[in-house]
Structure formats: structure tokens, C-alpha cells
Amino acid sequence: MRQAAVLLMVCCVGFTSGCRRAPQAKPEPKDAAPPVAEQTEPAAAEAKATPVPVNRNAQVIVLGYHRVVDNVHRPDTEITKADFEKQMQQLKDEGITVIPMRDFLAWKRGEKDIPAKSAVLTFDDGWKSQYEAAWPILRKFNYPFTLFIYTDYVKGGPKSGGESITWEQIAELRDAGADIEGHTVSHKDLRGPTKRGGAVTPEYDAWLWNELNGSKQALEQRLGVKIEALAVPFGFYNAHVQEVAKKAGYDAIFTVYGQKIGYGSPNNSLGRYMIEANKPKVFASAVRFGSGVTSASEPVAEFTGNALKTEPADNATIGDSRPVIKVSTETFGNIDPASLTMRVSSLGTVNAQYDAAAKSYSYQPPHKLNDNRYSVIVSGKADGKKVEARWGFNLDSKAAKPQ
């Protein structure tokens, strides 16, 4: 034994770089290099976290879907399987690479490069047609995709029904590579009382925290995944919702206002192109690359509720099914009329007109409106900065004034 110990010491003196120190040996100085065998795993982990060169000029479109069906009955949330497959083929024909949500978020963090023209496919709520109809088509193209799940709608939940996806089906899609992300608990407007200019109360904040954090925790614990992204219901949010979502651990917030997304686009308001059977132009607009990127260097001044002079008034209930939809631009400052755009829910971008004398921007639909609730978004540039106005109104034929 004494001879073996002597030989071992001689070996270490002659071949210092290749001999691992015995546990009882005196520790090396703090600035000494660690033994090779002990640094293998930490070095590999460090290499993974090292930033990589990314294409900061790349553009990404995020497409949003709900149901994929044989025959359309609800054109505002459905698309036929035939049309869906045509769109998937068009992405390929246009040279647009479909990437996973996790790759998109890694690119935004500067950790992974992506192709110059990329697309992320997302599906909202948790409809069983996403499993039964969309997935077989996506498999043909080998396209990754994301499910934004609101937990109350999954089979067995308080809002579930015959068209709900099951937890087992979600798990199968997860295992096949789908990204699972958050869409709240109940799919309600997250602005709560603040959408009407009300105060943030402890009761509201507790409810909002459960909608955001509670749903996130439920998905993570049930499915063993990490939830990084949130799709806000109806696209409605405000600064308080953004703040609470960040606190809950979401890295990205997605809306329903389609835009080309660039490397510097703000993560707390990423627009998706929502694809519906009655709006074929939305997909056509989405796949036209080259413009419309929102930059982080262009902050948006948002005007809502009492800060606006609008017709109809914010949250008013009206009976006129062909109302004049108008906003005073005086609040914005020195507006550039050419930059103004008006979007109306279920109608998309409309042909609104600017009145320089009245300093107003208005639109009257040529046909009667049929939905119960409408949201209006007017955006433009004032004093060189982007501004955005948001308000909504309810339509009820019983509210019509007697003649």
C-alpha cells in the first residue's frame, strides 16, 4: 500500500494535467483552473446560454386560429379544413418558415437565430377540432404549433362542452412537440372594472391574479410545461394587465391586432393575425412581408375611456345599427391625417374619413351591424409619436329612440 501511494504521487507530479485530485488533498488556490473532468457539465450549460448572432432584420407573423371544420357555421371563428390546408401550403410556397413559439421567444431574447421570413401558428381556447382536424394537416407539413388554452374550457371544466379538447389530447399534442401557453382561466375581459375607468380594487386584483397566475400554474402542474406566453382574451388589455402578467411570469403578451413582428417589437403587445372564414384578406395581408414592423423605439401613447371624445361614447348601448363611429383627434395633439387607421371588431380596417375642420375621424358602415358588442381602435402618429385610441360600444335594437 505504501508503494502504491508513492507511485500515485509520482504520477501526479509528472502528469499534473491528467490526474484528478483525491478528496483529502489540499484545495487548489482560488484562481487555479478546475480539473477537466469536473468542468464538463458546467461548461456545456454555459455554452447553451451564450448569445448567438441573430438576424435582427427578420420578420415574424403570428397567425391565430380557433376551429377547423368541414362546413363553416360561425365564420368569425371557423375556417374549413380545405382552406386551412391551402393556407399551410401557401406558407410553404411563399418561402415562409413555420417555427415553434419557443424558437420565436428565444430569438427575441437573442438566444437563437430564425429565418428572415418566419411564421408562428397558434390556436385559441382548446377546441377538439384543433386535435382532430388541424393536427393531421399540420403533420403533413411537419409544422410546429402553439395552443393557447383557457383552463375552464378544457373537457370537464365549468365552461366546457361537446367541442372541448381533453387534457389527454392536450398532453398528446404536447408530446408531439406542440407548445402549450396561457389564455386565462375564464376567457373574460381582463380589464374588469378598469375598462370603464373604474379603480383597481383588491377584489379585482385577486381575480386578475387568479386569471393570469392561477391558469398558468394549473397548466404547468397538469402538463409539466413552462408557460411563457399569454394570449389576452379578445385582445383586450391595459397597462395594469401588462404589469400583473409580467409579475405572473409571462415573457410575452399576444393580442389580436395583426402586425409584422420585428426583433425590437415590444413583448407586451405582440399582434396576431386572426384567421376567419369571412376575412380572407387578413391571411393575404399577413403573408406579404417587407413592411409594418413595430419597433421598440416607437412607444405608443394609449387613450381610453374618459380621455376620449367618441361616438358612440365608450361602453354606451345604442339602437342604431348603422351608427357613425367617430373620435375627436384633438386629444392626440398634432395628428398626421395620412397616418390614421380605424379598425372595428368583426369588420377589420375600415375606410374612415378625416375632417380637418372638425378635427375628427369617422366612419359609418354601409350595412347594418349584427354583433352585440363592438370594439374600435384608431391609431396614427401625432408629434412624431404613435398614438392609439380604444373604446367600445354595445348594440341593442331595443335601445333605439322612439320616433
Protein backbone atom coordinates (compact mmCIF):
# COMPACT_ATOMS: atom_id res chain seq x y z
CA MET A 1 0.00 0.00 0.00
CA ARG A 2 2.86 2.44 0.83
CA GLN A 3 4.46 1.69 -2.57
CA ALA A 4 1.17 2.31 -4.38
CA ALA A 5 0.76 5.67 -2.66
CA VAL A 6 4.31 6.69 -3.64
CA LEU A 7 3.70 5.70 -7.23
CA LEU A 8 0.43 7.69 -7.31
CA MET A 9 2.24 10.82 -6.02
CA VAL A 10 4.94 10.41 -8.66
CA CYS A 11 2.27 10.06 -11.33
CA CYS A 12 0.59 13.30 -10.27
CA VAL A 13 3.89 15.20 -10.23
CA GLY A 14 4.76 14.01 -13.73
CA PHE A 15 1.28 14.33 -15.29
CA THR A 16 -0.44 17.12 -13.38
CA SER A 17 -2.96 17.94 -16.12
CA GLY A 18 -4.31 14.43 -16.31
CA CYS A 19 -4.52 13.36 -12.67
CA ARG A 20 -7.70 14.08 -10.66
CA ARG A 21 -7.02 15.24 -7.07
CA ALA A 22 -8.04 12.92 -4.25
CA PRO A 23 -10.77 14.24 -1.90
CA GLN A 24 -8.30 14.52 1.02
CA ALA A 25 -5.83 16.66 -0.93
CA LYS A 26 -5.23 20.33 -0.09
CA PRO A 27 -7.56 22.63 -2.11
CA GLU A 28 -6.12 24.47 -5.10
CA PRO A 29 -5.81 28.27 -4.94
CA LYS A 30 -9.00 30.12 -5.96
CA ASP A 31 -7.52 31.24 -9.28
CA ALA A 32 -6.43 27.73 -10.32
CA ALA A 33 -8.23 26.10 -13.24
CA PRO A 34 -10.66 23.34 -12.20
CA PRO A 35 -9.89 19.77 -13.23
CA VAL A 36 -11.12 18.90 -16.72
CA ALA A 37 -13.42 16.09 -15.56
CA GLU A 38 -15.22 18.40 -13.13
CA GLN A 39 -15.93 21.24 -15.60
CA THR A 40 -17.59 19.25 -18.39
CA GLU A 41 -21.27 19.81 -17.44
CA PRO A 42 -20.99 23.45 -16.28
CA ALA A 43 -19.08 24.33 -19.44
CA ALA A 44 -21.80 22.76 -21.60
CA ALA A 45 -24.52 24.64 -19.71
CA GLU A 46 -22.61 27.90 -20.12
CA ALA A 47 -22.24 27.30 -23.85
CA LYS A 48 -26.01 26.91 -24.22
CA ALA A 49 -26.62 30.28 -22.58
CA THR A 50 -24.05 32.11 -24.71
CA PRO A 51 -25.74 34.66 -27.01
CA VAL A 52 -25.61 33.79 -30.69
CA PRO A 53 -25.64 36.10 -33.72
CA VAL A 54 -29.28 36.61 -34.71
CA ASN A 55 -30.88 38.22 -37.75
CA ARG A 56 -32.29 41.44 -36.34
CA ASN A 57 -33.91 42.17 -39.69
CA ALA A 58 -36.04 39.02 -39.65
CA GLN A 59 -39.82 39.42 -39.59
CA VAL A 60 -42.36 37.13 -37.96
CA ILE A 61 -46.09 36.75 -38.46
CA VAL A 62 -48.20 35.06 -35.80
CA LEU A 63 -51.39 33.51 -37.16
CA GLY A 64 -54.32 32.81 -34.85
CA TYR A 65 -56.99 30.15 -35.42
CA HIS A 66 -59.94 28.76 -33.47
CA ARG A 67 -61.93 25.95 -35.13
CA VAL A 68 -61.03 23.96 -38.25
CA VAL A 69 -64.24 22.41 -39.63
CA ASP A 70 -65.84 20.67 -42.62
CA ASN A 71 -68.56 23.29 -43.05
CA VAL A 72 -68.49 26.84 -41.70
CA HIS A 73 -71.39 27.87 -39.47
CA ARG A 74 -69.60 30.53 -37.41
CA PRO A 75 -67.39 32.44 -39.86
CA ASP A 76 -65.96 34.69 -37.15
CA THR A 77 -64.12 31.77 -35.53
CA GLU A 78 -64.05 28.98 -38.11
CA ILE A 79 -62.18 28.00 -41.26
CA THR A 80 -62.70 24.91 -43.43
CA LYS A 81 -60.15 22.14 -43.48
CA ALA A 82 -59.67 22.71 -47.22
CA ASP A 83 -58.91 26.41 -46.76
CA PHE A 84 -56.68 25.71 -43.80
CA GLU A 85 -54.62 23.24 -45.82
CA LYS A 86 -54.38 25.75 -48.69
CA GLN A 87 -53.02 28.34 -46.29
CA MET A 88 -50.45 25.91 -44.91
CA GLN A 89 -49.37 25.16 -48.49
CA GLN A 90 -49.17 28.87 -49.29
CA LEU A 91 -46.81 29.43 -46.38
CA LYS A 92 -44.53 26.83 -47.93
CA ASP A 93 -44.90 28.27 -51.44
CA GLU A 94 -44.11 31.79 -50.21
CA GLY A 95 -40.90 30.59 -48.57
CA ILE A 96 -42.18 31.37 -45.07
CA THR A 97 -40.69 29.09 -42.42
CA VAL A 98 -43.02 27.93 -39.64
CA ILE A 99 -41.16 27.99 -36.33
CA PRO A 100 -42.15 26.93 -32.78
CA MET A 101 -43.18 29.54 -30.23
CA ARG A 102 -40.15 28.62 -28.11
CA ASP A 103 -37.81 29.46 -31.03
CA PHE A 104 -39.58 32.78 -31.57
CA LEU A 105 -39.18 33.74 -27.90
CA ALA A 106 -35.55 32.58 -27.90
CA TRP A 107 -34.91 34.81 -30.93
CA LYS A 108 -36.48 37.76 -29.13
CA ARG A 109 -34.07 37.09 -26.23
CA GLY A 110 -31.11 36.97 -28.61
CA GLU A 111 -30.50 33.27 -27.98
CA LYS A 112 -31.47 31.71 -31.33
CA ASP A 113 -31.47 32.75 -34.96
CA ILE A 114 -34.54 32.31 -37.18
CA PRO A 115 -35.19 32.56 -40.93
CA ALA A 116 -35.79 36.03 -42.42
CA LYS A 117 -39.48 35.26 -43.06
CA SER A 118 -40.99 33.20 -40.26
CA ALA A 119 -44.45 32.31 -39.01
CA VAL A 120 -45.82 31.04 -35.70
CA LEU A 121 -49.13 29.12 -35.80
CA THR A 122 -51.41 29.49 -32.77
CA PHE A 123 -54.79 28.03 -31.81
CA ASP A 124 -57.00 29.59 -29.14
CA ASP A 125 -59.23 28.26 -26.37
CA GLY A 126 -58.97 24.47 -26.67
CA TRP A 127 -61.35 23.18 -29.35
CA LYS A 128 -61.27 19.48 -30.15
CA SER A 129 -61.09 20.29 -33.87
CA GLN A 130 -57.56 21.51 -33.24
CA TYR A 131 -56.69 17.91 -32.33
CA GLU A 132 -58.99 16.10 -34.75
CA ALA A 133 -58.83 18.33 -37.86
CA ALA A 134 -55.91 20.78 -37.67
CA TRP A 135 -53.25 18.43 -36.33
CA PRO A 136 -53.46 15.86 -39.17
CA ILE A 137 -52.94 18.69 -41.68
CA LEU A 138 -50.08 20.18 -39.69
CA ARG A 139 -48.41 16.76 -39.61
CA LYS A 140 -48.42 16.67 -43.41
CA PHE A 141 -46.30 19.79 -43.48
CA ASN A 142 -44.32 18.97 -40.33
CA TYR A 143 -45.31 22.35 -38.90
CA PRO A 144 -44.91 23.15 -35.20
CA PHE A 145 -47.76 24.98 -33.48
CA THR A 146 -48.96 26.51 -30.22
CA LEU A 147 -52.13 26.02 -28.18
CA PHE A 148 -53.37 28.95 -26.10
CA ILE A 149 -55.58 27.17 -23.55
CA TYR A 150 -58.12 28.70 -21.19
CA THR A 151 -58.49 26.15 -18.45
CA ASP A 152 -62.22 26.44 -17.74
CA TYR A 153 -62.97 25.25 -21.29
CA VAL A 154 -60.96 22.02 -21.23
CA LYS A 155 -63.24 18.97 -21.03
CA GLY A 156 -64.63 18.67 -17.53
CA GLY A 157 -64.23 22.37 -16.78
CA PRO A 158 -67.15 24.68 -15.88
CA LYS A 159 -67.26 26.17 -19.39
CA SER A 160 -66.53 23.00 -21.37
CA GLY A 161 -68.87 21.44 -23.88
CA GLY A 162 -69.09 18.95 -26.71
CA GLU A 163 -66.43 20.74 -28.75
CA SER A 164 -63.87 20.96 -25.93
CA ILE A 165 -60.47 19.35 -26.14
CA THR A 166 -59.50 16.91 -23.34
CA TRP A 167 -56.47 17.05 -21.08
CA GLU A 168 -55.33 13.75 -22.57
CA GLN A 169 -55.44 15.20 -26.09
CA ILE A 170 -53.52 18.29 -25.00
CA ALA A 171 -50.88 16.03 -23.44
CA GLU A 172 -50.63 14.05 -26.68
CA LEU A 173 -50.11 17.25 -28.66
CA ARG A 174 -47.52 18.37 -26.10
CA ASP A 175 -45.66 15.10 -26.54
CA ALA A 176 -45.77 15.60 -30.31
CA GLY A 177 -43.96 18.93 -29.90
CA ALA A 178 -46.75 21.49 -29.54
CA ASP A 179 -46.10 24.49 -27.31
CA ILE A 180 -48.78 24.95 -24.64
CA GLU A 181 -49.33 28.54 -23.49
CA GLY A 182 -51.81 30.53 -21.40
CA HIS A 183 -55.20 32.06 -22.26
CA THR A 184 -56.52 32.71 -18.69
CA VAL A 185 -59.00 30.74 -16.59
CA SER A 186 -62.39 32.01 -17.77
CA HIS A 187 -61.70 33.91 -21.02
CA LYS A 188 -63.17 37.16 -19.68
CA ASP A 189 -62.07 40.72 -20.42
CA LEU A 190 -59.05 41.11 -18.14
CA ARG A 191 -59.56 44.85 -17.73
CA GLY A 192 -62.50 44.22 -15.41
CA PRO A 193 -63.87 47.44 -13.90
CA THR A 194 -60.95 49.47 -15.25
CA LYS A 195 -62.28 49.21 -18.81
CA ARG A 196 -64.93 51.75 -17.81
CA GLY A 197 -62.49 53.97 -15.97
CA GLY A 198 -63.10 52.29 -12.61
CA ALA A 199 -60.50 51.91 -9.89
CA VAL A 200 -58.30 48.90 -9.28
CA THR A 201 -59.78 47.21 -6.19
CA PRO A 202 -58.35 44.39 -4.05
CA GLU A 203 -61.19 42.13 -5.24
CA TYR A 204 -60.42 42.83 -8.89
CA ASP A 205 -56.69 42.35 -8.39
CA ALA A 206 -57.27 39.00 -6.69
CA TRP A 207 -59.48 37.89 -9.59
CA LEU A 208 -56.94 39.11 -12.18
CA TRP A 209 -54.10 37.31 -10.39
CA ASN A 210 -56.04 34.06 -10.49
CA GLU A 211 -56.88 34.52 -14.18
CA LEU A 212 -53.22 35.01 -15.03
CA ASN A 213 -51.20 33.17 -12.41
CA GLY A 214 -53.84 30.58 -11.50
CA SER A 215 -54.27 29.42 -15.08
CA LYS A 216 -50.50 29.41 -15.61
CA GLN A 217 -49.94 27.27 -12.52
CA ALA A 218 -52.73 24.88 -13.49
CA LEU A 219 -51.26 24.29 -16.96
CA GLU A 220 -47.71 23.91 -15.67
CA GLN A 221 -48.66 21.46 -12.93
CA ARG A 222 -51.10 19.44 -15.03
CA LEU A 223 -48.88 19.18 -18.11
CA GLY A 224 -45.35 19.58 -16.77
CA VAL A 225 -44.59 22.51 -19.07
CA LYS A 226 -43.27 26.04 -18.69
CA ILE A 227 -45.80 28.71 -19.65
CA GLU A 228 -44.07 31.74 -21.17
CA ALA A 229 -46.70 33.41 -23.34
CA LEU A 230 -50.19 34.80 -22.79
CA ALA A 231 -52.92 35.47 -25.35
CA VAL A 232 -55.26 38.07 -23.84
CA PRO A 233 -58.97 37.27 -24.48
CA PHE A 234 -60.50 39.42 -27.23
CA GLY A 235 -57.19 41.29 -27.48
CA PHE A 236 -58.22 43.50 -24.53
CA TYR A 237 -55.55 44.71 -22.12
CA ASN A 238 -54.16 47.82 -20.48
CA ALA A 239 -51.04 48.83 -18.58
CA HIS A 240 -52.26 47.21 -15.34
CA VAL A 241 -52.93 43.89 -17.08
CA GLN A 242 -49.46 44.04 -18.62
CA GLU A 243 -47.91 44.73 -15.21
CA VAL A 244 -49.68 41.83 -13.50
CA ALA A 245 -48.91 39.47 -16.39
CA LYS A 246 -45.22 40.31 -16.06
CA LYS A 247 -45.40 39.68 -12.32
CA ALA A 248 -47.01 36.29 -13.01
CA GLY A 249 -44.00 35.33 -15.14
CA TYR A 250 -45.20 35.76 -18.72
CA ASP A 251 -42.45 36.75 -21.13
CA ALA A 252 -44.78 37.75 -23.96
CA ILE A 253 -48.35 39.01 -24.39
CA PHE A 254 -50.20 38.40 -27.65
CA THR A 255 -53.16 40.41 -28.92
CA VAL A 256 -55.44 40.06 -31.95
CA TYR A 257 -54.23 43.10 -33.88
CA GLY A 258 -52.14 41.68 -36.72
CA GLN A 259 -48.66 43.07 -37.33
CA LYS A 260 -45.29 42.06 -38.67
CA ILE A 261 -43.14 41.44 -35.61
CA GLY A 262 -39.52 42.53 -35.56
CA TYR A 263 -36.65 41.83 -33.22
CA GLY A 264 -37.31 45.05 -31.31
CA SER A 265 -41.11 44.81 -31.18
CA PRO A 266 -42.30 45.15 -27.56
CA ASN A 267 -43.04 41.77 -25.99
CA ASN A 268 -46.03 43.07 -24.02
CA SER A 269 -48.20 43.73 -27.10
CA LEU A 270 -47.39 41.31 -29.93
CA GLY A 271 -50.06 41.32 -32.63
CA ARG A 272 -51.54 38.20 -34.21
CA TYR A 273 -53.42 37.92 -37.50
CA MET A 274 -56.66 36.18 -36.55
CA ILE A 275 -57.79 33.98 -39.44
CA GLU A 276 -61.53 33.71 -40.02
CA ALA A 277 -63.59 32.37 -42.91
CA ASN A 278 -65.23 35.73 -43.64
CA LYS A 279 -61.94 37.67 -43.78
CA PRO A 280 -59.71 36.10 -46.45
CA LYS A 281 -57.81 39.37 -46.87
CA VAL A 282 -56.32 39.01 -43.38
CA PHE A 283 -54.25 35.99 -44.40
CA ALA A 284 -53.31 37.65 -47.69
CA SER A 285 -52.08 40.68 -45.76
CA ALA A 286 -50.18 38.55 -43.27
CA VAL A 287 -48.07 36.75 -45.86
CA ARG A 288 -46.99 39.98 -47.58
CA PHE A 289 -43.62 40.62 -45.98
CA GLY A 290 -41.44 43.71 -46.11
CA SER A 291 -43.24 46.36 -44.06
CA GLY A 292 -45.25 47.07 -40.97
CA VAL A 293 -42.80 46.05 -38.26
CA THR A 294 -43.47 47.57 -34.85
CA SER A 295 -40.23 48.80 -33.27
CA ALA A 296 -39.43 49.04 -29.59
CA SER A 297 -38.13 52.56 -30.29
CA GLU A 298 -41.66 53.67 -31.11
CA PRO A 299 -43.67 53.83 -27.86
CA VAL A 300 -47.44 54.04 -28.11
CA ALA A 301 -49.48 56.64 -26.27
CA GLU A 302 -52.79 54.94 -25.48
CA PHE A 303 -56.05 56.83 -24.95
CA THR A 304 -59.10 55.10 -23.50
CA GLY A 305 -62.41 55.80 -21.79
CA ASN A 306 -62.82 59.25 -20.28
CA ALA A 307 -59.73 60.57 -22.07
CA LEU A 308 -61.60 60.37 -25.40
CA LYS A 309 -64.46 62.15 -27.11
CA THR A 310 -66.13 59.43 -29.17
CA GLU A 311 -69.36 58.49 -30.86
CA PRO A 312 -70.80 56.24 -29.61
CA ALA A 313 -69.45 57.01 -26.16
CA ASP A 314 -67.25 54.38 -24.56
CA ASN A 315 -69.35 51.42 -23.34
CA ALA A 316 -72.60 53.08 -24.44
CA THR A 317 -75.55 50.95 -25.55
CA ILE A 318 -77.13 52.15 -28.79
CA GLY A 319 -80.00 51.05 -31.01
CA ASP A 320 -78.76 52.45 -34.33
CA SER A 321 -77.41 49.51 -36.35
CA ARG A 322 -75.61 51.88 -38.76
CA PRO A 323 -74.02 54.31 -36.32
CA VAL A 324 -71.47 56.98 -37.13
CA ILE A 325 -68.30 55.83 -35.40
CA LYS A 326 -66.23 58.90 -34.60
CA VAL A 327 -63.34 60.09 -32.46
CA SER A 328 -62.09 63.62 -31.85
CA THR A 329 -58.39 63.85 -32.70
CA GLU A 330 -57.80 66.94 -30.59
CA THR A 331 -56.70 64.77 -27.66
CA PHE A 332 -53.89 63.29 -29.74
CA GLY A 333 -52.02 66.53 -30.42
CA ASN A 334 -50.76 67.44 -33.89
CA ILE A 335 -52.06 64.40 -35.74
CA ASP A 336 -50.81 63.35 -39.16
CA PRO A 337 -54.08 62.63 -41.03
CA ALA A 338 -52.34 60.31 -43.50
CA SER A 339 -51.24 58.06 -40.64
CA LEU A 340 -54.74 57.46 -39.26
CA THR A 341 -56.25 53.97 -39.33
CA MET A 342 -59.54 52.75 -37.86
CA ARG A 343 -60.22 49.11 -37.01
CA VAL A 344 -63.63 47.83 -35.93
CA SER A 345 -64.07 44.35 -34.47
CA SER A 346 -65.57 41.86 -36.96
CA LEU A 347 -65.06 44.42 -39.76
CA GLY A 348 -61.30 44.87 -39.70
CA THR A 349 -59.74 48.03 -41.17
CA VAL A 350 -62.46 50.38 -42.40
CA ASN A 351 -62.47 53.34 -44.77
CA ALA A 352 -62.77 56.13 -42.21
CA GLN A 353 -62.51 59.80 -43.21
CA TYR A 354 -60.65 62.67 -41.57
CA ASP A 355 -62.39 66.04 -41.16
CA ALA A 356 -59.69 68.70 -40.76
CA ALA A 357 -62.15 71.44 -39.80
CA ALA A 358 -63.83 69.39 -37.08
CA LYS A 359 -60.60 67.57 -36.14
CA SER A 360 -62.41 64.25 -36.18
CA TYR A 361 -62.03 60.86 -37.78
CA SER A 362 -65.22 58.94 -38.57
CA TYR A 363 -66.81 56.02 -40.35
CA GLN A 364 -70.37 54.88 -41.00
CA PRO A 365 -70.86 51.24 -42.01
CA PRO A 366 -72.68 50.77 -45.34
CA HIS A 367 -74.65 47.85 -43.92
CA LYS A 368 -76.31 47.09 -40.60
CA LEU A 369 -74.16 45.79 -37.78
CA ASN A 370 -75.23 42.48 -36.27
CA ASP A 371 -72.97 41.81 -33.28
CA ASN A 372 -73.89 42.75 -29.72
CA ARG A 373 -70.52 44.30 -28.89
CA TYR A 374 -68.04 46.29 -30.97
CA SER A 375 -64.53 47.46 -30.22
CA VAL A 376 -62.89 50.33 -32.07
CA ILE A 377 -59.17 51.04 -32.40
CA VAL A 378 -57.88 54.23 -34.03
CA SER A 379 -54.12 54.57 -34.45
CA GLY A 380 -51.89 57.18 -36.02
CA LYS A 381 -48.94 59.49 -35.43
CA ALA A 382 -49.01 62.78 -33.57
CA ASP A 383 -45.95 64.96 -32.99
CA GLY A 384 -43.84 62.15 -34.42
CA LYS A 385 -45.09 59.55 -31.94
CA LYS A 386 -47.55 56.69 -32.33
CA VAL A 387 -50.93 57.17 -30.65
CA GLU A 388 -53.77 54.72 -30.22
CA ALA A 389 -57.36 55.18 -29.07
CA ARG A 390 -59.55 52.32 -27.89
CA TRP A 391 -63.19 52.26 -26.96
CA GLY A 392 -66.23 50.03 -27.33
CA PHE A 393 -70.00 50.13 -27.54
CA ASN A 394 -72.95 47.76 -27.31
CA LEU A 395 -75.67 47.35 -29.92
CA ASP A 396 -79.22 46.63 -28.81
CA SER A 397 -82.17 47.22 -31.12
CA LYS A 398 -84.40 47.75 -28.05
CA ALA A 399 -82.35 50.81 -27.16
CA ALA A 400 -83.49 52.68 -30.28
CA LYS A 401 -85.12 56.00 -29.52
CA PRO A 402 -88.86 56.22 -30.40
CA GLN A 403 -89.57 58.29 -33.50
